[in-house]
Amino acid sequence: MRDEVDELVEAWARERADLDLAPVEVFSRIGRLARHLDLARKDAFAAHQIESWEFDVLAALRRAGTPYELSPGRLLRETLVTSGTMTNRVDRLAARGLVERLPDPHDRRGVLVRLTPEGKVAVDGAFEALLEAEAALTGDLTESDRHQLAGLLRKLLRPFS
């Protein structure tokens, strides 16, 4: 079963037979898949009136478990953004009523960011829609294929952890 990456690799091989094109076969497909996943994420989130960046923050809070709160520093580590970006994001989410800021009972100067009930409904709905979209994207793979692919991608990502 051929795809457009096979054609791309063949064209490069014809023009640059001196190069090892094996990485192109992997990363061109990952790049194309990432674009499809990005579109699926946007659609899933839009159906629940949230943006991808909002999902990232709300999902970090939801994964924290009851009472669904984290310090801003922990949110930074969970979402890999800068302090200024996180402040802006929390401000915007608070303005929408999806999160609230609370004093940290263990640090008089600190604050905690907590998911509101409205935020929980939004992130849960968006996550369910995302899982449905991702299941559709992997629908042609067997359970064994998915497990093997997850393992191979984990191995590729290991140097970045």
Foldseek 3Di string as FASTA:
>chain_A
DDDVLVVVVVVVCVVCVVDDCVVSSVVVVVVVVVVVLQVLLQVLLVVLPDGPLLLQQLVCQVVVPPVSKDWLVVSCVSRVDDSVVSVVSLVVCVVVVQWDWAQDPVDNPTIMIGGDPSVVVSNVSSVVSSVVSVCVVCVVPDPVRVVVVVVVVCVVCVVVD
